[in-house]
């Protein structure tokens, strides 16, 4: 049976695919990839589950920040059109 780490890795891979396909944002793609790689190495070398949790949380924070910026840009464009 697959381990929790394998399942977590598949979920992170799916998250990154969604980020690449739907956001078209270079900084988010690079930040997400760097986060995934750094925390994967940290988990691999230490075996500490906290790195899996931190990886997931940090990617969620990056996506949330992107969504807030996108919303603000949209509202600014609406204001400019009025």
N, C-alpha and C. Protein backbone atom coordinates (compact mmCIF):
# COMPACT_ATOMS: atom_id res chain seq x y z
N UNK A 1 0.83 -1.21 0.00
CA UNK A 1 0.00 0.00 0.00
C UNK A 1 0.87 1.26 0.00
N UNK A 2 0.40 2.31 -0.66
CA UNK A 2 1.21 3.54 -0.71
C UNK A 2 1.32 4.20 0.66
N UNK A 3 2.48 4.76 0.92
CA UNK A 3 2.70 5.44 2.19
C UNK A 3 2.09 6.83 2.15
N UNK A 4 1.99 7.44 3.30
CA UNK A 4 1.44 8.80 3.40
C UNK A 4 2.31 9.77 2.59
N UNK A 5 3.63 9.53 2.57
CA UNK A 5 4.53 10.42 1.82
C UNK A 5 4.24 10.35 0.32
N UNK A 6 3.99 9.16 -0.20
CA UNK A 6 3.69 9.00 -1.63
C UNK A 6 2.38 9.70 -1.96
N UNK A 7 1.37 9.51 -1.12
CA UNK A 7 0.09 10.18 -1.35
C UNK A 7 0.26 11.69 -1.28
N UNK A 8 1.01 12.17 -0.30
CA UNK A 8 1.27 13.61 -0.18
C UNK A 8 1.99 14.13 -1.42
N UNK A 9 2.96 13.40 -1.91
CA UNK A 9 3.72 13.82 -3.09
C UNK A 9 2.82 13.91 -4.32
N UNK A 10 1.90 12.99 -4.46
CA UNK A 10 0.97 13.02 -5.59
C UNK A 10 0.05 14.24 -5.49
N UNK A 11 -0.39 14.56 -4.29
CA UNK A 11 -1.24 15.74 -4.10
C UNK A 11 -0.48 17.01 -4.42
N UNK A 12 0.77 17.12 -3.97
CA UNK A 12 1.58 18.30 -4.28
C UNK A 12 1.83 18.40 -5.78
N UNK A 13 2.11 17.29 -6.44
CA UNK A 13 2.29 17.29 -7.88
C UNK A 13 1.03 17.80 -8.58
N UNK A 14 -0.13 17.32 -8.16
CA UNK A 14 -1.39 17.77 -8.74
C UNK A 14 -1.61 19.26 -8.48
N UNK A 15 -1.30 19.73 -7.27
CA UNK A 15 -1.40 21.16 -6.96
C UNK A 15 -0.51 21.99 -7.88
N UNK A 16 0.72 21.54 -8.09
CA UNK A 16 1.63 22.29 -8.94
C UNK A 16 1.17 22.30 -10.40
N UNK A 17 0.62 21.20 -10.87
CA UNK A 17 0.08 21.16 -12.23
C UNK A 17 -1.05 22.17 -12.36
N UNK A 18 -1.93 22.23 -11.38
CA UNK A 18 -3.02 23.21 -11.42
C UNK A 18 -2.49 24.64 -11.40
N UNK A 19 -1.47 24.89 -10.60
CA UNK A 19 -0.86 26.23 -10.57
C UNK A 19 -0.30 26.59 -11.94
N UNK A 20 0.42 25.68 -12.57
CA UNK A 20 1.02 25.96 -13.87
C UNK A 20 -0.04 26.16 -14.95
N UNK A 21 -1.07 25.36 -14.92
CA UNK A 21 -2.08 25.39 -15.98
C UNK A 21 -3.01 26.60 -15.86
N UNK A 22 -3.40 26.96 -14.65
CA UNK A 22 -4.44 27.96 -14.50
C UNK A 22 -3.98 29.36 -14.10
N UNK A 23 -2.77 29.53 -13.60
CA UNK A 23 -2.40 30.88 -13.14
C UNK A 23 -1.55 31.65 -14.15
N UNK A 24 -0.72 30.97 -14.91
CA UNK A 24 0.19 31.65 -15.86
C UNK A 24 1.02 32.71 -15.15
N UNK A 25 1.40 32.46 -13.91
CA UNK A 25 2.17 33.42 -13.13
C UNK A 25 3.54 32.83 -12.83
N UNK A 26 4.57 33.46 -13.38
CA UNK A 26 5.92 32.94 -13.26
C UNK A 26 6.37 32.88 -11.81
N UNK A 27 6.15 33.95 -11.05
CA UNK A 27 6.63 33.96 -9.67
C UNK A 27 5.97 32.86 -8.83
N UNK A 28 4.68 32.61 -9.06
CA UNK A 28 3.99 31.58 -8.29
C UNK A 28 4.49 30.19 -8.69
N UNK A 29 4.69 29.97 -9.97
CA UNK A 29 5.20 28.68 -10.42
C UNK A 29 6.59 28.40 -9.85
N UNK A 30 7.46 29.40 -9.94
CA UNK A 30 8.83 29.22 -9.43
C UNK A 30 8.84 29.05 -7.91
N UNK A 31 8.06 29.87 -7.21
CA UNK A 31 8.02 29.77 -5.75
C UNK A 31 7.45 28.42 -5.32
N UNK A 32 6.42 27.96 -6.00
CA UNK A 32 5.83 26.66 -5.67
C UNK A 32 6.79 25.52 -5.93
N UNK A 33 7.47 25.56 -7.07
CA UNK A 33 8.44 24.50 -7.39
C UNK A 33 9.60 24.50 -6.40
N UNK A 34 10.13 25.69 -6.11
CA UNK A 34 11.25 25.77 -5.16
C UNK A 34 10.82 25.26 -3.78
N UNK A 35 9.63 25.64 -3.35
CA UNK A 35 9.11 25.17 -2.07
C UNK A 35 9.00 23.66 -2.06
N UNK A 36 8.43 23.10 -3.11
CA UNK A 36 8.26 21.64 -3.18
C UNK A 36 9.60 20.92 -3.14
N UNK A 37 10.57 21.42 -3.88
CA UNK A 37 11.88 20.76 -3.93
C UNK A 37 12.61 20.87 -2.60
N UNK A 38 12.64 22.07 -2.03
CA UNK A 38 13.36 22.28 -0.76
C UNK A 38 12.77 21.41 0.34
N UNK A 39 11.44 21.41 0.46
CA UNK A 39 10.84 20.63 1.54
C UNK A 39 10.90 19.13 1.28
N UNK A 40 10.91 18.73 0.02
CA UNK A 40 11.08 17.30 -0.29
C UNK A 40 12.47 16.83 0.15
N UNK A 41 13.50 17.66 -0.13
CA UNK A 41 14.84 17.32 0.33
C UNK A 41 14.91 17.30 1.86
N UNK A 42 14.30 18.29 2.49
CA UNK A 42 14.31 18.33 3.96
C UNK A 42 13.66 17.08 4.54
N UNK A 43 12.52 16.69 3.98
CA UNK A 43 11.85 15.50 4.48
C UNK A 43 12.68 14.25 4.21
N UNK A 44 13.26 14.18 3.02
CA UNK A 44 14.05 13.00 2.65
C UNK A 44 15.23 12.79 3.61
N UNK A 45 15.91 13.89 3.94
CA UNK A 45 17.10 13.77 4.76
C UNK A 45 16.81 13.66 6.25
N UNK A 46 15.66 14.17 6.71
CA UNK A 46 15.37 14.14 8.14
C UNK A 46 14.28 13.13 8.51
N UNK A 47 13.35 12.89 7.57
CA UNK A 47 12.23 12.01 7.87
C UNK A 47 11.17 12.64 8.75
N UNK A 48 11.31 13.93 9.02
CA UNK A 48 10.36 14.64 9.89
C UNK A 48 9.11 15.03 9.11
N UNK A 49 7.96 14.65 9.63
CA UNK A 49 6.68 14.92 8.98
C UNK A 49 6.37 16.42 8.93
N UNK A 50 6.96 17.19 9.81
CA UNK A 50 6.68 18.63 9.85
C UNK A 50 7.02 19.28 8.51
N UNK A 51 7.99 18.76 7.78
CA UNK A 51 8.36 19.34 6.50
C UNK A 51 7.26 19.14 5.46
N UNK A 52 6.55 18.01 5.52
CA UNK A 52 5.41 17.81 4.63
C UNK A 52 4.32 18.83 4.94
N UNK A 53 4.07 19.04 6.22
CA UNK A 53 3.03 19.99 6.62
C UNK A 53 3.41 21.42 6.25
N UNK A 54 4.66 21.77 6.46
CA UNK A 54 5.12 23.11 6.10
C UNK A 54 5.05 23.34 4.59
N UNK A 55 5.39 22.34 3.83
CA UNK A 55 5.33 22.44 2.36
C UNK A 55 3.91 22.74 1.91
N UNK A 56 2.96 21.97 2.39
CA UNK A 56 1.57 22.16 2.01
C UNK A 56 1.07 23.54 2.44
N UNK A 57 1.42 23.93 3.66
CA UNK A 57 0.97 25.22 4.18
C UNK A 57 1.57 26.37 3.40
N UNK A 58 2.85 26.31 3.10
CA UNK A 58 3.50 27.40 2.39
C UNK A 58 2.96 27.54 0.96
N UNK A 59 2.71 26.44 0.29
CA UNK A 59 2.12 26.51 -1.05
C UNK A 59 0.72 27.13 -0.98
N UNK A 60 -0.05 26.77 0.04
CA UNK A 60 -1.39 27.36 0.21
C UNK A 60 -1.29 28.86 0.46
N UNK A 61 -0.30 29.29 1.25
CA UNK A 61 -0.10 30.72 1.51
C UNK A 61 0.27 31.44 0.22
N UNK A 62 1.15 30.86 -0.58
CA UNK A 62 1.54 31.48 -1.86
C UNK A 62 0.34 31.64 -2.78
N UNK A 63 -0.49 30.61 -2.87
CA UNK A 63 -1.67 30.67 -3.73
C UNK A 63 -2.66 31.70 -3.20
N UNK A 64 -2.84 31.77 -1.90
CA UNK A 64 -3.73 32.77 -1.31
C UNK A 64 -3.23 34.19 -1.61
N UNK A 65 -1.93 34.39 -1.46
CA UNK A 65 -1.35 35.70 -1.78
C UNK A 65 -1.59 36.05 -3.24
N UNK A 66 -1.42 35.08 -4.12
CA UNK A 66 -1.67 35.31 -5.55
C UNK A 66 -3.13 35.68 -5.79
N UNK A 67 -4.05 34.99 -5.12
CA UNK A 67 -5.47 35.27 -5.31
C UNK A 67 -5.83 36.67 -4.82
N UNK A 68 -5.26 37.09 -3.70
CA UNK A 68 -5.51 38.44 -3.19
C UNK A 68 -4.98 39.48 -4.17
N UNK A 69 -3.77 39.27 -4.69
CA UNK A 69 -3.20 40.21 -5.66
C UNK A 69 -4.04 40.26 -6.93
N UNK A 70 -4.49 39.11 -7.39
CA UNK A 70 -5.30 39.05 -8.62
C UNK A 70 -6.63 39.79 -8.43
N UNK A 71 -7.24 39.59 -7.26
CA UNK A 71 -8.50 40.27 -6.97
C UNK A 71 -8.31 41.77 -6.93
N UNK A 72 -7.24 42.23 -6.28
CA UNK A 72 -6.97 43.66 -6.20
C UNK A 72 -6.69 44.25 -7.58
N UNK A 73 -5.97 43.51 -8.43
CA UNK A 73 -5.72 43.99 -9.80
C UNK A 73 -7.03 44.11 -10.57
N UNK A 74 -7.92 43.15 -10.38
CA UNK A 74 -9.21 43.18 -11.05
C UNK A 74 -10.03 44.39 -10.60
N UNK A 75 -10.05 44.63 -9.30
CA UNK A 75 -10.80 45.77 -8.79
C UNK A 75 -10.20 47.08 -9.27
N UNK A 76 -8.88 47.16 -9.37
CA UNK A 76 -8.24 48.38 -9.87
C UNK A 76 -8.60 48.62 -11.33
N UNK A 77 -8.66 47.56 -12.13
CA UNK A 77 -9.06 47.71 -13.53
C UNK A 77 -10.51 48.18 -13.64
N UNK A 78 -11.38 47.66 -12.77
CA UNK A 78 -12.78 48.10 -12.77
C UNK A 78 -12.88 49.58 -12.43
N UNK A 79 -12.10 50.01 -11.43
CA UNK A 79 -12.10 51.41 -11.03
C UNK A 79 -11.61 52.30 -12.17
N UNK A 80 -10.60 51.85 -12.90
CA UNK A 80 -10.07 52.62 -14.02
C UNK A 80 -11.09 52.75 -15.15
N UNK A 81 -11.94 51.75 -15.32
CA UNK A 81 -12.94 51.78 -16.38
C UNK A 81 -14.11 52.69 -16.05
N UNK A 82 -14.31 52.96 -14.77
CA UNK A 82 -15.45 53.82 -14.38
C UNK A 82 -15.17 55.28 -14.57
